[in-house]
Amino acid sequence: MNAWIRMIPPEEATGRLAELYERVKTPHGTVDNVMRAHSLRPESLEGHVVLYRSVLHNKANTLPFWFLETVATWVSLTNRCHYSTTHHSANMRRLIEDELRAETMYAALACGHPEVAFEGKELALLEYARKLTADVGAMCEADIERLREAGADDGEILEVNQVCAYFNYSNRVLNGLGVTTKGDVVGYYKHGDDG
């Protein structure tokens, strides 16, 4: 079982759903379960993929793609979303292109201590994403000031804010519908693909 609700497989999709499935194919040529989860209401699938691509695969972002994938992994670990953690930690590892560093980064995130592998602006941005995920009602202007003091500009803060917000949405779609990675090709990127 790939989810707790019915998902229409690509080979059975017709009309608008078939059109959208073509648009959401990964570089591997597959439709991931995170997108198939919307198959009974295709318009939400369209909104999901537009948001996903605009925050995580936008070449106008200034933070490196590997770091945005790190934020995605951290938020997903915080939410205990196995699906997104599996996919986006694979992306982080692929994009960092340093297996030892990637393993150290993942281990630090997985045990809840990003300070073991990150410092400065990166650590400050990860701490912001954690608070925004786990204690959103406690957010205050001082949180943004701390990011600026650590060297983040407002555009970078917005990038992390949007990745964090997207994954809080996506993690709830996935966990709330019991979506699994069964049948997915794990990780968005193919070898030689940098975003």
Foldseek 3Di string as FASTA:
>chain_A
DQWQDDFDAQVRDDDPLVVVQCVQQFPVRHHFLLLSLCRVPNVVSVVLVVLCCVQQVDPPQDDFNLLLLLLLLLLCLLVVQPASVQQSLVQNCQQVVDNVLSVQCNVCSNVPHNVSNDDFLSVLLSVLLNCCRPPVVPDDPVSVVVNVVSPDDPSNSVSSVSSSVSSSVSSCSCVVTVGDRVPPDRYRDDRPDRD
